[in-house]
Amino acid sequence: MTGDAAVARVIVPSMMRQLCRGAEVVEVEGATLKEVIARLDVKCPGIRELLTENGSIRHHVAFFIDGVDARSSGGLFAPVPEGAEIVIVPALSGG
């Protein structure tokens, strides 16, 4: 681990697993959700583009950090505690 970065378990939705070579869970370091997504993109190239847009979480994606919606706790700057479980939840419809 580097510095204050926590190791988190990211639960990848089935529609994005091809980018992660089929992995359902990917462990990455990061002190914030933004750092976790950046490191997830290193392991799963192209996933950041699906999750963020113009420096924000895409409107059709939700992140839950240990069961708490990241939008209500800082968005991309939401803190990620050591051992956190981050669940990515894409919208199933176009709205």
PDB file of N, CA and C in Angstrom:
ATOM      1  N   MET A   1       0.840  -1.168   0.000  1.00  0.00           N
ATOM      2  CA  MET A   1       0.000   0.000   0.000  1.00  0.00           C
ATOM      3  C   MET A   1       0.884   1.230   0.000  1.00  0.00           C
ATOM      4  N   THR A   2       0.409   2.305  -0.655  1.00  0.00           N
ATOM      5  CA  THR A   2       1.205   3.523  -0.730  1.00  0.00           C
ATOM      6  C   THR A   2       0.544   4.633   0.055  1.00  0.00           C
ATOM      7  N   GLY A   3       1.273   5.267   0.964  1.00  0.00           N
ATOM      8  CA  GLY A   3       0.765   6.407   1.718  1.00  0.00           C
ATOM      9  C   GLY A   3      -0.490   6.084   2.500  1.00  0.00           C
ATOM     10  N   ASP A   4      -1.506   6.961   2.354  1.00  0.00           N
ATOM     11  CA  ASP A   4      -2.761   6.796   3.067  1.00  0.00           C
ATOM     12  C   ASP A   4      -3.798   6.033   2.264  1.00  0.00           C
ATOM     13  N   ALA A   5      -3.426   5.490   1.130  1.00  0.00           N
ATOM     14  CA  ALA A   5      -4.382   4.809   0.270  1.00  0.00           C
ATOM     15  C   ALA A   5      -4.856   3.510   0.922  1.00  0.00           C
ATOM     16  N   ALA A   6      -6.154   3.328   0.895  1.00  0.00           N
ATOM     17  CA  ALA A   6      -6.769   2.121   1.423  1.00  0.00           C
ATOM     18  C   ALA A   6      -6.932   1.114   0.292  1.00  0.00           C
ATOM     19  N   VAL A   7      -6.964  -0.156   0.640  1.00  0.00           N
ATOM     20  CA  VAL A   7      -7.273  -1.188  -0.347  1.00  0.00           C
ATOM     21  C   VAL A   7      -8.768  -1.433  -0.267  1.00  0.00           C
ATOM     22  N   ALA A   8      -9.427  -1.299  -1.411  1.00  0.00           N
ATOM     23  CA  ALA A   8     -10.870  -1.499  -1.485  1.00  0.00           C
ATOM     24  C   ALA A   8     -11.181  -2.627  -2.450  1.00  0.00           C
ATOM     25  N   ARG A   9     -12.304  -3.266  -2.205  1.00  0.00           N
ATOM     26  CA  ARG A   9     -12.814  -4.304  -3.113  1.00  0.00           C
ATOM     27  C   ARG A   9     -13.922  -3.674  -3.940  1.00  0.00           C
ATOM     28  N   VAL A  10     -13.730  -3.621  -5.259  1.00  0.00           N
ATOM     29  CA  VAL A  10     -14.722  -3.031  -6.150  1.00  0.00           C
ATOM     30  C   VAL A  10     -15.517  -4.164  -6.789  1.00  0.00           C
ATOM     31  N   ILE A  11     -16.835  -4.118  -6.595  1.00  0.00           N
ATOM     32  CA  ILE A  11     -17.731  -5.106  -7.193  1.00  0.00           C
ATOM     33  C   ILE A  11     -18.130  -4.571  -8.567  1.00  0.00           C
ATOM     34  N   VAL A  12     -17.715  -5.265  -9.616  1.00  0.00           N
ATOM     35  CA  VAL A  12     -17.928  -4.827 -10.991  1.00  0.00           C
ATOM     36  C   VAL A  12     -19.233  -5.428 -11.516  1.00  0.00           C
ATOM     37  N   PRO A  13     -20.133  -4.585 -12.065  1.00  0.00           N
ATOM     38  CA  PRO A  13     -21.381  -5.119 -12.607  1.00  0.00           C
ATOM     39  C   PRO A  13     -21.117  -5.999 -13.822  1.00  0.00           C
ATOM     40  N   SER A  14     -21.993  -6.961 -14.044  1.00  0.00           N
ATOM     41  CA  SER A  14     -21.784  -7.944 -15.110  1.00  0.00           C
ATOM     42  C   SER A  14     -21.580  -7.298 -16.474  1.00  0.00           C
ATOM     43  N   MET A  15     -22.261  -6.189 -16.750  1.00  0.00           N
ATOM     44  CA  MET A  15     -22.139  -5.558 -18.063  1.00  0.00           C
ATOM     45  C   MET A  15     -20.780  -4.890 -18.285  1.00  0.00           C
ATOM     46  N   MET A  16     -19.952  -4.789 -17.239  1.00  0.00           N
ATOM     47  CA  MET A  16     -18.627  -4.166 -17.361  1.00  0.00           C
ATOM     48  C   MET A  16     -17.494  -5.165 -17.139  1.00  0.00           C
ATOM     49  N   ARG A  17     -17.816  -6.387 -16.847  1.00  0.00           N
ATOM     50  CA  ARG A  17     -16.778  -7.371 -16.498  1.00  0.00           C
ATOM     51  C   ARG A  17     -15.842  -7.714 -17.642  1.00  0.00           C
ATOM     52  N   GLN A  18     -16.299  -7.569 -18.876  1.00  0.00           N
ATOM     53  CA  GLN A  18     -15.429  -7.866 -20.007  1.00  0.00           C
ATOM     54  C   GLN A  18     -14.186  -6.975 -19.965  1.00  0.00           C
ATOM     55  N   LEU A  19     -14.353  -5.716 -19.517  1.00  0.00           N
ATOM     56  CA  LEU A  19     -13.208  -4.805 -19.404  1.00  0.00           C
ATOM     57  C   LEU A  19     -12.222  -5.269 -18.335  1.00  0.00           C
ATOM     58  N   CYS A  20     -12.713  -6.032 -17.372  1.00  0.00           N
ATOM     59  CA  CYS A  20     -11.885  -6.512 -16.249  1.00  0.00           C
ATOM     60  C   CYS A  20     -11.530  -7.979 -16.406  1.00  0.00           C
ATOM     61  N   ARG A  21     -11.484  -8.435 -17.645  1.00  0.00           N
ATOM     62  CA  ARG A  21     -11.159  -9.836 -17.949  1.00  0.00           C
ATOM     63  C   ARG A  21     -12.052 -10.809 -17.190  1.00  0.00           C
ATOM     64  N   GLY A  22     -13.319 -10.430 -17.024  1.00  0.00           N
ATOM     65  CA  GLY A  22     -14.293 -11.312 -16.396  1.00  0.00           C
ATOM     66  C   GLY A  22     -14.346 -11.229 -14.886  1.00  0.00           C
ATOM     67  N   ALA A  23     -13.491 -10.430 -14.275  1.00  0.00           N
ATOM     68  CA  ALA A  23     -13.446 -10.354 -12.810  1.00  0.00           C
ATOM     69  C   ALA A  23     -14.715  -9.716 -12.248  1.00  0.00           C
ATOM     70  N   GLU A  24     -15.244 -10.342 -11.222  1.00  0.00           N
ATOM     71  CA  GLU A  24     -16.412  -9.807 -10.520  1.00  0.00           C
ATOM     72  C   GLU A  24     -15.974  -8.831  -9.427  1.00  0.00           C
ATOM     73  N   VAL A  25     -14.801  -9.078  -8.845  1.00  0.00           N
ATOM     74  CA  VAL A  25     -14.249  -8.239  -7.783  1.00  0.00           C
ATOM     75  C   VAL A  25     -12.819  -7.881  -8.160  1.00  0.00           C
ATOM     76  N   VAL A  26     -12.497  -6.584  -8.042  1.00  0.00           N
ATOM     77  CA  VAL A  26     -11.144  -6.114  -8.328  1.00  0.00           C
ATOM     78  C   VAL A  26     -10.672  -5.325  -7.114  1.00  0.00           C
ATOM     79  N   GLU A  27      -9.515  -5.661  -6.580  1.00  0.00           N
ATOM     80  CA  GLU A  27      -8.951  -4.925  -5.448  1.00  0.00           C
ATOM     81  C   GLU A  27      -8.038  -3.832  -5.963  1.00  0.00           C
ATOM     82  N   VAL A  28      -8.276  -2.607  -5.480  1.00  0.00           N
ATOM     83  CA  VAL A  28      -7.452  -1.462  -5.856  1.00  0.00           C
ATOM     84  C   VAL A  28      -7.256  -0.563  -4.645  1.00  0.00           C
ATOM     85  N   GLU A  29      -6.215   0.264  -4.715  1.00  0.00           N
ATOM     86  CA  GLU A  29      -5.935   1.222  -3.644  1.00  0.00           C
ATOM     87  C   GLU A  29      -6.537   2.570  -3.997  1.00  0.00           C
ATOM     88  N   GLY A  30      -6.843   3.340  -2.966  1.00  0.00           N
ATOM     89  CA  GLY A  30      -7.297   4.702  -3.172  1.00  0.00           C
ATOM     90  C   GLY A  30      -7.879   5.273  -1.895  1.00  0.00           C
ATOM     91  N   ALA A  31      -7.566   6.529  -1.616  1.00  0.00           N
ATOM     92  CA  ALA A  31      -8.096   7.192  -0.432  1.00  0.00           C
ATOM     93  C   ALA A  31      -9.454   7.834  -0.718  1.00  0.00           C
ATOM     94  N   THR A  32      -9.739   8.075  -2.021  1.00  0.00           N
ATOM     95  CA  THR A  32     -11.024   8.635  -2.431  1.00  0.00           C
ATOM     96  C   THR A  32     -11.574   7.790  -3.576  1.00  0.00           C
ATOM     97  N   LEU A  33     -12.857   7.974  -3.855  1.00  0.00           N
ATOM     98  CA  LEU A  33     -13.469   7.244  -4.962  1.00  0.00           C
ATOM     99  C   LEU A  33     -12.775   7.590  -6.277  1.00  0.00           C
ATOM    100  N   LYS A  34     -12.384   8.839  -6.449  1.00  0.00           N
ATOM    101  CA  LYS A  34     -11.689   9.259  -7.668  1.00  0.00           C
ATOM    102  C   LYS A  34     -10.394   8.472  -7.863  1.00  0.00           C
ATOM    103  N   GLU A  35      -9.625   8.289  -6.788  1.00  0.00           N
ATOM    104  CA  GLU A  35      -8.378   7.518  -6.869  1.00  0.00           C
ATOM    105  C   GLU A  35      -8.665   6.046  -7.165  1.00  0.00           C
ATOM    106  N   VAL A  36      -9.696   5.511  -6.545  1.00  0.00           N
ATOM    107  CA  VAL A  36     -10.064   4.110  -6.781  1.00  0.00           C
ATOM    108  C   VAL A  36     -10.427   3.907  -8.249  1.00  0.00           C
ATOM    109  N   ILE A  37     -11.219   4.813  -8.815  1.00  0.00           N
ATOM    110  CA  ILE A  37     -11.615   4.694 -10.221  1.00  0.00           C
ATOM    111  C   ILE A  37     -10.397   4.799 -11.132  1.00  0.00           C
ATOM    112  N   ALA A  38      -9.470   5.714 -10.828  1.00  0.00           N
ATOM    113  CA  ALA A  38      -8.259   5.856 -11.646  1.00  0.00           C
ATOM    114  C   ALA A  38      -7.438   4.566 -11.632  1.00  0.00           C
ATOM    115  N   ARG A  39      -7.302   3.961 -10.471  1.00  0.00           N
ATOM    116  CA  ARG A  39      -6.516   2.709 -10.376  1.00  0.00           C
ATOM    117  C   ARG A  39      -7.280   1.526 -10.952  1.00  0.00           C
ATOM    118  N   LEU A  40      -8.597   1.568 -10.864  1.00  0.00           N
ATOM    119  CA  LEU A  40      -9.416   0.533 -11.490  1.00  0.00           C
ATOM    120  C   LEU A  40      -9.244   0.596 -13.005  1.00  0.00           C
ATOM    121  N   ASP A  41      -9.140   1.811 -13.543  1.00  0.00           N
ATOM    122  CA  ASP A  41      -8.966   1.987 -14.987  1.00  0.00           C
ATOM    123  C   ASP A  41      -7.626   1.432 -15.464  1.00  0.00           C
ATOM    124  N   VAL A  42      -6.610   1.431 -14.599  1.00  0.00           N
ATOM    125  CA  VAL A  42      -5.315   0.837 -14.958  1.00  0.00           C
ATOM    126  C   VAL A  42      -5.478  -0.673 -15.129  1.00  0.00           C
ATOM    127  N   LYS A  43      -6.254  -1.295 -14.236  1.00  0.00           N
ATOM    128  CA  LYS A  43      -6.468  -2.742 -14.298  1.00  0.00           C
ATOM    129  C   LYS A  43      -7.530  -3.122 -15.324  1.00  0.00           C
ATOM    130  N   CYS A  44      -8.481  -2.216 -15.563  1.00  0.00           N
ATOM    131  CA  CYS A  44      -9.596  -2.464 -16.477  1.00  0.00           C
ATOM    132  C   CYS A  44      -9.702  -1.280 -17.434  1.00  0.00           C
ATOM    133  N   PRO A  45      -8.788  -1.182 -18.405  1.00  0.00           N
ATOM    134  CA  PRO A  45      -8.757  -0.013 -19.290  1.00  0.00           C
ATOM    135  C   PRO A  45     -10.107   0.261 -19.949  1.00  0.00           C
ATOM    136  N   GLY A  46     -10.508   1.528 -19.871  1.00  0.00           N
ATOM    137  CA  GLY A  46     -11.766   1.952 -20.478  1.00  0.00           C
ATOM    138  C   GLY A  46     -12.917   2.084 -19.506  1.00  0.00           C
ATOM    139  N   ILE A  47     -12.771   1.556 -18.292  1.00  0.00           N
ATOM    140  CA  ILE A  47     -13.889   1.588 -17.353  1.00  0.00           C
ATOM    141  C   ILE A  47     -14.148   2.996 -16.820  1.00  0.00           C
ATOM    142  N   ARG A  48     -13.105   3.799 -16.664  1.00  0.00           N
ATOM    143  CA  ARG A  48     -13.295   5.172 -16.150  1.00  0.00           C
ATOM    144  C   ARG A  48     -14.231   5.961 -17.064  1.00  0.00           C
ATOM    145  N   GLU A  49     -14.085   5.783 -18.360  1.00  0.00           N
ATOM    146  CA  GLU A  49     -14.937   6.492 -19.325  1.00  0.00           C
ATOM    147  C   GLU A  49     -16.414   6.137 -19.144  1.00  0.00           C
ATOM    148  N   LEU A  50     -16.690   4.909 -18.735  1.00  0.00           N
ATOM    149  CA  LEU A  50     -18.073   4.489 -18.494  1.00  0.00           C
ATOM    150  C   LEU A  50     -18.622   5.017 -17.171  1.00  0.00           C
ATOM    151  N   LEU A  51     -17.731   5.334 -16.235  1.00  0.00           N
ATOM    152  CA  LEU A  51     -18.147   5.700 -14.878  1.00  0.00           C
ATOM    153  C   LEU A  51     -18.162   7.193 -14.605  1.00  0.00           C
ATOM    154  N   THR A  52     -17.317   7.964 -15.332  1.00  0.00           N
ATOM    155  CA  THR A  52     -17.217   9.403 -15.058  1.00  0.00           C
ATOM    156  C   THR A  52     -17.340  10.206 -16.341  1.00  0.00           C
ATOM    157  N   GLU A  53     -17.693  11.476 -16.152  1.00  0.00           N
ATOM    158  CA  GLU A  53     -17.810  12.384 -17.289  1.00  0.00           C
ATOM    159  C   GLU A  53     -17.597  13.813 -16.793  1.00  0.00           C
ATOM    160  N   ASN A  54     -16.698  14.534 -17.434  1.00  0.00           N
ATOM    161  CA  ASN A  54     -16.422  15.930 -17.071  1.00  0.00           C
ATOM    162  C   ASN A  54     -16.110  16.099 -15.588  1.00  0.00           C
ATOM    163  N   GLY A  55     -15.351  15.190 -15.025  1.00  0.00           N
ATOM    164  CA  GLY A  55     -14.937  15.299 -13.629  1.00  0.00           C
ATOM    165  C   GLY A  55     -16.002  14.959 -12.607  1.00  0.00           C
ATOM    166  N   SER A  56     -17.072  14.306 -13.036  1.00  0.00           N
ATOM    167  CA  SER A  56     -18.152  13.908 -12.119  1.00  0.00           C
ATOM    168  C   SER A  56     -18.560  12.461 -12.381  1.00  0.00           C
ATOM    169  N   ILE A  57     -19.295  11.917 -11.437  1.00  0.00           N
ATOM    170  CA  ILE A  57     -19.874  10.591 -11.638  1.00  0.00           C
ATOM    171  C   ILE A  57     -20.960  10.725 -12.705  1.00  0.00           C
ATOM    172  N   ARG A  58     -20.949   9.825 -13.682  1.00  0.00           N
ATOM    173  CA  ARG A  58     -22.002   9.851 -14.714  1.00  0.00           C
ATOM    174  C   ARG A  58     -23.367   9.723 -14.050  1.00  0.00           C
ATOM    175  N   HIS A  59     -24.357  10.386 -14.636  1.00  0.00           N
ATOM    176  CA  HIS A  59     -25.692  10.402 -14.032  1.00  0.00           C
ATOM    177  C   HIS A  59     -26.350   9.029 -13.985  1.00  0.00           C
ATOM    178  N   HIS A  60     -25.948   8.115 -14.840  1.00  0.00           N
ATOM    179  CA  HIS A  60     -26.573   6.794 -14.878  1.00  0.00           C
ATOM    180  C   HIS A  60     -25.804   5.733 -14.072  1.00  0.00           C
ATOM    181  N   VAL A  61     -24.866   6.175 -13.231  1.00  0.00           N
ATOM    182  CA  VAL A  61     -24.079   5.244 -12.423  1.00  0.00           C
ATOM    183  C   VAL A  61     -24.138   5.687 -10.957  1.00  0.00           C
ATOM    184  N   ALA A  62     -24.259   4.718 -10.070  1.00  0.00           N
ATOM    185  CA  ALA A  62     -24.190   4.995  -8.629  1.00  0.00           C
ATOM    186  C   ALA A  62     -23.068   4.147  -8.042  1.00  0.00           C
ATOM    187  N   PHE A  63     -22.432   4.687  -7.022  1.00  0.00           N
ATOM    188  CA  PHE A  63     -21.400   3.972  -6.277  1.00  0.00           C
ATOM    189  C   PHE A  63     -21.841   3.910  -4.821  1.00  0.00           C
ATOM    190  N   PHE A  64     -21.732   2.737  -4.232  1.00  0.00           N
ATOM    191  CA  PHE A  64     -22.028   2.579  -2.812  1.00  0.00           C
ATOM    192  C   PHE A  64     -20.750   2.116  -2.128  1.00  0.00           C
ATOM    193  N   ILE A  65     -20.286   2.924  -1.180  1.00  0.00           N
ATOM    194  CA  ILE A  65     -19.075   2.612  -0.422  1.00  0.00           C
ATOM    195  C   ILE A  65     -19.539   2.112   0.941  1.00  0.00           C
ATOM    196  N   ASP A  66     -19.354   0.826   1.186  1.00  0.00           N
ATOM    197  CA  ASP A  66     -19.849   0.187   2.414  1.00  0.00           C
ATOM    198  C   ASP A  66     -21.326   0.523   2.648  1.00  0.00           C
ATOM    199  N   GLY A  67     -22.105   0.488   1.571  1.00  0.00           N
ATOM    200  CA  GLY A  67     -23.547   0.681   1.658  1.00  0.00           C
ATOM    201  C   GLY A  67     -24.029   2.119   1.631  1.00  0.00           C
ATOM    202  N   VAL A  68     -23.112   3.086   1.547  1.00  0.00           N
ATOM    203  CA  VAL A  68     -23.488   4.511   1.537  1.00  0.00           C
ATOM    204  C   VAL A  68     -23.287   5.068   0.130  1.00  0.00           C
ATOM    205  N   ASP A  69     -24.307   5.716  -0.400  1.00  0.00           N
ATOM    206  CA  ASP A  69     -24.235   6.309  -1.733  1.00  0.00           C
ATOM    207  C   ASP A  69     -23.134   7.373  -1.753  1.00  0.00           C
ATOM    208  N   ALA A  70     -22.185   7.228  -2.656  1.00  0.00           N
ATOM    209  CA  ALA A  70     -21.054   8.162  -2.730  1.00  0.00           C
ATOM    210  C   ALA A  70     -21.499   9.584  -3.042  1.00  0.00           C
ATOM    211  N   ARG A  71     -22.599   9.758  -3.752  1.00  0.00           N
ATOM    212  CA  ARG A  71     -23.077  11.113  -4.064  1.00  0.00           C
ATOM    213  C   ARG A  71     -23.395  11.891  -2.791  1.00  0.00           C
ATOM    214  N   SER A  72     -23.860  11.196  -1.764  1.00  0.00           N
ATOM    215  CA  SER A  72     -24.227  11.873  -0.516  1.00  0.00           C
ATOM    216  C   SER A  72     -23.037  12.045   0.429  1.00  0.00           C
ATOM    217  N   SER A  73     -21.891  11.504   0.057  1.00  0.00           N
ATOM    218  CA  SER A  73     -20.726  11.610   0.954  1.00  0.00           C
ATOM    219  C   SER A  73     -19.490  12.168   0.255  1.00  0.00           C
ATOM    220  N   GLY A  74     -19.707  12.981  -0.787  1.00  0.00           N
ATOM    221  CA  GLY A  74     -18.573  13.645  -1.416  1.00  0.00           C
ATOM    222  C   GLY A  74     -18.372  13.360  -2.884  1.00  0.00           C
ATOM    223  N   GLY A  75     -19.229  12.557  -3.493  1.00  0.00           N
ATOM    224  CA  GLY A  75     -19.063  12.249  -4.918  1.00  0.00           C
ATOM    225  C   GLY A  75     -17.739  11.569  -5.179  1.00  0.00           C
ATOM    226  N   LEU A  76     -17.018  12.057  -6.164  1.00  0.00           N
ATOM    227  CA  LEU A  76     -15.718  11.456  -6.487  1.00  0.00           C
ATOM    228  C   LEU A  76     -14.704  11.629  -5.365  1.00  0.00           C
ATOM    229  N   PHE A  77     -14.949  12.594  -4.468  1.00  0.00           N
ATOM    230  CA  PHE A  77     -14.021  12.819  -3.367  1.00  0.00           C
ATOM    231  C   PHE A  77     -14.478  12.139  -2.077  1.00  0.00           C
ATOM    232  N   ALA A  78     -15.457  11.248  -2.184  1.00  0.00           N
ATOM    233  CA  ALA A  78     -15.905  10.474  -1.020  1.00  0.00           C
ATOM    234  C   ALA A  78     -14.736   9.649  -0.502  1.00  0.00           C
ATOM    235  N   PRO A  79     -14.516   9.650   0.810  1.00  0.00           N
ATOM    236  CA  PRO A  79     -13.407   8.869   1.366  1.00  0.00           C
ATOM    237  C   PRO A  79     -13.664   7.367   1.260  1.00  0.00           C
ATOM    238  N   VAL A  80     -12.586   6.641   1.073  1.00  0.00           N
ATOM    239  CA  VAL A  80     -12.652   5.178   0.983  1.00  0.00           C
ATOM    240  C   VAL A  80     -11.849   4.604   2.143  1.00  0.00           C
ATOM    241  N   PRO A  81     -12.519   4.034   3.135  1.00  0.00           N
ATOM    242  CA  PRO A  81     -11.791   3.457   4.265  1.00  0.00           C
ATOM    243  C   PRO A  81     -11.109   2.139   3.890  1.00  0.00           C
ATOM    244  N   GLU A  82     -10.116   1.782   4.653  1.00  0.00           N
ATOM    245  CA  GLU A  82      -9.409   0.512   4.462  1.00  0.00           C
ATOM    246  C   GLU A  82     -10.409  -0.633   4.477  1.00  0.00           C
ATOM    247  N   GLY A  83     -10.292  -1.512   3.494  1.00  0.00           N
ATOM    248  CA  GLY A  83     -11.140  -2.701   3.427  1.00  0.00           C
ATOM    249  C   GLY A  83     -12.550  -2.448   2.943  1.00  0.00           C
ATOM    250  N   ALA A  84     -12.804  -1.250   2.422  1.00  0.00           N
ATOM    251  CA  ALA A  84     -14.154  -0.908   1.963  1.00  0.00           C
ATOM    252  C   ALA A  84     -14.591  -1.788   0.801  1.00  0.00           C
ATOM    253  N   GLU A  85     -15.899  -1.948   0.704  1.00  0.00           N
ATOM    254  CA  GLU A  85     -16.489  -2.619  -0.451  1.00  0.00           C
ATOM    255  C   GLU A  85     -17.221  -1.543  -1.248  1.00  0.00           C
ATOM    256  N   ILE A  86     -16.837  -1.401  -2.515  1.00  0.00           N
ATOM    257  CA  ILE A  86     -17.456  -0.411  -3.389  1.00  0.00           C
ATOM    258  C   ILE A  86     -18.259  -1.152  -4.443  1.00  0.00           C
ATOM    259  N   VAL A  87     -19.546  -0.885  -4.470  1.00  0.00           N
ATOM    260  CA  VAL A  87     -20.436  -1.528  -5.436  1.00  0.00           C
ATOM    261  C   VAL A  87     -20.786  -0.499  -6.506  1.00  0.00           C
ATOM    262  N   ILE A  88     -20.569  -0.865  -7.757  1.00  0.00           N
ATOM    263  CA  ILE A  88     -20.940  -0.026  -8.892  1.00  0.00           C
ATOM    264  C   ILE A  88     -22.323  -0.475  -9.352  1.00  0.00           C
ATOM    265  N   VAL A  89     -23.257   0.482  -9.427  1.00  0.00           N
ATOM    266  CA  VAL A  89     -24.628   0.151  -9.833  1.00  0.00           C
ATOM    267  C   VAL A  89     -25.005   1.018 -11.030  1.00  0.00           C
ATOM    268  N   PRO A  90     -25.004   0.441 -12.235  1.00  0.00           N
ATOM    269  CA  PRO A  90     -25.425   1.193 -13.415  1.00  0.00           C
ATOM    270  C   PRO A  90     -26.942   1.207 -13.506  1.00  0.00           C
ATOM    271  N   ALA A  91     -27.495   2.278 -14.086  1.00  0.00           N
ATOM    272  CA  ALA A  91     -28.932   2.324 -14.333  1.00  0.00           C
ATOM    273  C   ALA A  91     -29.268   1.263 -15.380  1.00  0.00           C
ATOM    274  N   LEU A  92     -30.393   0.637 -15.224  1.00  0.00           N
ATOM    275  CA  LEU A  92     -30.783  -0.422 -16.152  1.00  0.00           C
ATOM    276  C   LEU A  92     -31.593   0.112 -17.324  1.00  0.00           C
ATOM    277  N   SER A  93     -32.044   1.364 -17.242  1.00  0.00           N
ATOM    278  CA  SER A  93     -32.788   1.952 -18.347  1.00  0.00           C
ATOM    279  C   SER A  93     -32.227   3.323 -18.653  1.00  0.00           C
ATOM    280  N   GLY A  94     -32.620   3.858 -19.738  1.00  0.00           N
ATOM    281  CA  GLY A  94     -32.163   5.184 -20.128  1.00  0.00           C
ATOM    282  C   GLY A  94     -32.935   6.292 -19.459  1.00  0.00           C
ATOM    283  N   GLY A  95     -33.883   5.952 -18.571  1.00  0.00           N
ATOM    284  CA  GLY A  95     -34.649   6.942 -17.838  1.00  0.00           C
ATOM    285  C   GLY A  95     -35.909   7.171 -18.516  1.00  0.00           C
TER     286      GLY A  95
END
